[in-house]
Amino acid sequence: MKTKILKLLARFLLLLPLCAALLGAGCEKDEDDELYETAEGYIVGSFQCNGSEIRNFCIILENNRDSLITSSLSEDIFNFPAGIIKSGHNSFTGGPFFFPDSFRYEYKIRFKFRVQNEDELVDCPLAFNTMGIPFSWENWNQAILTDVRKPLK
């Protein structure tokens, strides 16, 4: 009986490191995942840089916690009504075309994001004739979005 217990214990001790290695391998976090924050927010406007077909969207996070600009969002996520998505940008303020107030909190999305590093920032030339106060781009962070989806209602 003691021999069987010793053999079983020896096998267990031999297999223990293998099991620990196999179980531990699946628990390692992807370093990129740590850079991304999960959030919900509202698409509130859009714009295009001069000479670019790429659509940039303006997103305000829940509770007005931050304001983001991203080009990593597809126009196809919503069926925007005609006229709400305009070409170019607001040449009066030098900023985006914001949606009318009635649509301001209509287009909610859930996503992961990270603010772009200094070397990833996109230089977006905009031509404008400011008669009043120019748009405050410094209040908006350029961000990369992933896992974008509409939240359940």
Protein backbone atom coordinates (compact mmCIF):
# COMPACT_ATOMS: atom_id res chain seq x y z
CA MET A 1 0.00 0.00 0.00
CA LYS A 2 2.83 2.41 0.87
CA THR A 3 4.46 1.69 -2.49
CA LYS A 4 1.30 2.64 -4.39
CA ILE A 5 0.99 5.90 -2.45
CA LEU A 6 4.66 6.72 -3.08
CA LYS A 7 4.31 5.98 -6.82
CA LEU A 8 1.17 8.12 -6.99
CA LEU A 9 2.90 10.94 -5.10
CA ALA A 10 5.94 10.72 -7.39
CA ARG A 11 3.72 10.95 -10.50
CA PHE A 12 1.84 13.86 -9.00
CA LEU A 13 5.06 15.72 -8.23
CA LEU A 14 6.35 15.08 -11.76
CA LEU A 15 3.12 16.28 -13.38
CA LEU A 16 2.61 19.29 -11.12
CA PRO A 17 5.11 21.58 -12.93
CA LEU A 18 3.63 20.61 -16.30
CA CYS A 19 0.09 21.42 -15.13
CA ALA A 20 1.22 24.72 -13.64
CA ALA A 21 2.95 25.66 -16.90
CA LEU A 22 -0.08 24.78 -19.01
CA LEU A 23 -2.55 26.58 -16.76
CA GLY A 24 -0.34 29.63 -16.36
CA ALA A 25 0.16 30.05 -20.11
CA GLY A 26 -3.49 30.92 -20.64
CA CYS A 27 -3.53 33.55 -17.90
CA GLU A 28 -0.95 35.84 -19.41
CA LYS A 29 -2.46 39.20 -20.39
CA ASP A 30 -1.76 40.77 -23.73
CA GLU A 31 0.28 43.92 -23.12
CA ASP A 32 -1.83 45.86 -25.67
CA ASP A 33 -5.02 45.10 -23.70
CA GLU A 34 -3.65 47.05 -20.75
CA LEU A 35 -3.37 50.16 -22.92
CA TYR A 36 -7.05 50.16 -23.86
CA GLU A 37 -9.87 51.43 -21.66
CA THR A 38 -13.48 50.28 -22.06
CA ALA A 39 -15.98 53.11 -22.39
CA GLU A 40 -19.38 54.17 -23.64
CA GLY A 41 -20.00 57.41 -25.42
CA TYR A 42 -21.95 59.26 -28.07
CA ILE A 43 -21.00 60.12 -31.62
CA VAL A 44 -21.75 63.84 -31.77
CA GLY A 45 -20.16 65.05 -34.99
CA SER A 46 -17.75 64.39 -37.84
CA PHE A 47 -15.29 66.05 -40.18
CA GLN A 48 -12.75 65.42 -42.91
CA CYS A 49 -9.31 66.96 -43.18
CA ASN A 50 -8.46 69.00 -46.28
CA GLY A 51 -7.78 66.73 -49.25
CA SER A 52 -8.76 63.55 -47.37
CA GLU A 53 -11.63 61.13 -47.85
CA ILE A 54 -11.14 59.70 -44.35
CA ARG A 55 -14.06 60.41 -42.03
CA ASN A 56 -13.18 61.44 -38.47
CA PHE A 57 -15.80 61.20 -35.74
CA CYS A 58 -16.21 63.20 -32.54
CA ILE A 59 -17.21 61.19 -29.48
CA ILE A 60 -18.14 62.45 -26.04
CA LEU A 61 -17.75 59.82 -23.33
CA GLU A 62 -20.47 59.11 -20.78
CA ASN A 63 -20.70 61.77 -18.07
CA ASN A 64 -18.66 64.13 -20.30
CA ARG A 65 -15.53 62.49 -18.90
CA ASP A 66 -13.51 63.03 -22.08
CA SER A 67 -13.82 64.12 -25.71
CA LEU A 68 -12.31 61.97 -28.45
CA ILE A 69 -11.64 62.25 -32.15
CA THR A 70 -11.10 59.07 -34.13
CA SER A 71 -10.75 57.90 -37.69
CA SER A 72 -10.98 54.23 -36.63
CA LEU A 73 -14.77 54.12 -36.70
CA SER A 74 -16.83 53.04 -39.69
CA GLU A 75 -19.70 55.18 -40.98
CA ASP A 76 -21.66 51.96 -41.37
CA ILE A 77 -22.17 51.41 -37.64
CA PHE A 78 -25.38 53.51 -37.84
CA ASN A 79 -27.77 54.50 -40.59
CA PHE A 80 -27.24 58.22 -40.16
CA PRO A 81 -30.04 60.36 -41.64
CA ALA A 82 -29.30 62.27 -44.82
CA GLY A 83 -27.51 65.54 -44.17
CA ILE A 84 -26.14 64.69 -40.73
CA ILE A 85 -22.80 63.46 -42.14
CA LYS A 86 -21.30 66.24 -44.24
CA SER A 87 -18.21 66.40 -46.41
CA GLY A 88 -15.27 68.45 -45.18
CA HIS A 89 -15.39 70.47 -42.00
CA ASN A 90 -16.97 73.63 -40.64
CA SER A 91 -15.07 76.37 -42.47
CA PHE A 92 -16.56 79.05 -40.21
CA THR A 93 -15.00 77.75 -36.95
CA GLY A 94 -12.32 75.41 -38.31
CA GLY A 95 -13.90 72.54 -36.39
CA PRO A 96 -16.14 69.55 -37.05
CA PHE A 97 -19.76 69.55 -38.11
CA PHE A 98 -21.61 68.73 -34.91
CA PHE A 99 -24.95 66.95 -35.09
CA PRO A 100 -28.11 68.96 -34.33
CA ASP A 101 -29.09 68.93 -30.65
CA SER A 102 -31.92 66.48 -31.34
CA PHE A 103 -29.32 63.87 -32.43
CA ARG A 104 -26.63 64.71 -29.86
CA TYR A 105 -27.30 61.64 -27.64
CA GLU A 106 -28.83 59.40 -30.29
CA TYR A 107 -25.75 57.45 -31.44
CA LYS A 108 -24.38 55.61 -28.43
CA ILE A 109 -21.50 53.17 -28.78
CA ARG A 110 -19.50 50.91 -26.47
CA PHE A 111 -15.81 50.45 -27.29
CA LYS A 112 -12.24 50.11 -26.14
CA PHE A 113 -9.91 53.01 -26.78
CA ARG A 114 -6.53 54.43 -26.12
CA VAL A 115 -5.31 57.96 -26.67
CA GLN A 116 -2.77 58.09 -29.46
CA ASN A 117 0.90 58.58 -28.66
CA GLU A 118 2.67 61.73 -29.83
CA ASP A 119 4.20 59.89 -32.81
CA GLU A 120 0.76 58.52 -33.86
CA LEU A 121 -1.08 61.85 -33.97
CA VAL A 122 -2.52 62.78 -37.35
CA ASP A 123 -1.81 66.26 -38.64
CA CYS A 124 -5.10 67.42 -40.08
CA PRO A 125 -4.88 70.65 -42.03
CA LEU A 126 -8.16 72.56 -42.01
CA ALA A 127 -8.88 75.70 -43.97
CA PHE A 128 -11.20 78.17 -42.30
CA ASN A 129 -12.17 81.80 -42.07
CA THR A 130 -12.85 82.41 -38.42
CA MET A 131 -15.12 85.32 -37.79
CA GLY A 132 -15.70 84.41 -34.17
CA ILE A 133 -14.01 82.04 -31.75
CA PRO A 134 -12.04 79.22 -33.41
CA PHE A 135 -12.77 75.63 -32.45
CA SER A 136 -10.74 74.35 -29.43
CA TRP A 137 -8.97 71.27 -30.79
CA GLU A 138 -6.82 71.02 -27.65
CA ASN A 139 -9.90 69.85 -25.70
CA TRP A 140 -10.19 66.74 -27.87
CA ASN A 141 -7.88 63.69 -27.74
CA GLN A 142 -7.09 61.68 -30.85
CA ALA A 143 -7.87 58.05 -30.06
CA ILE A 144 -7.74 54.57 -31.56
CA LEU A 145 -10.94 52.57 -31.06
CA THR A 146 -11.41 48.79 -31.10
CA ASP A 147 -14.29 46.42 -30.33
CA VAL A 148 -16.88 49.04 -31.28
CA ARG A 149 -20.50 48.00 -30.92
CA LYS A 150 -23.91 49.39 -30.15
CA PRO A 151 -24.88 48.77 -26.52
CA LEU A 152 -28.03 46.77 -25.80
CA LYS A 153 -31.04 48.97 -25.15
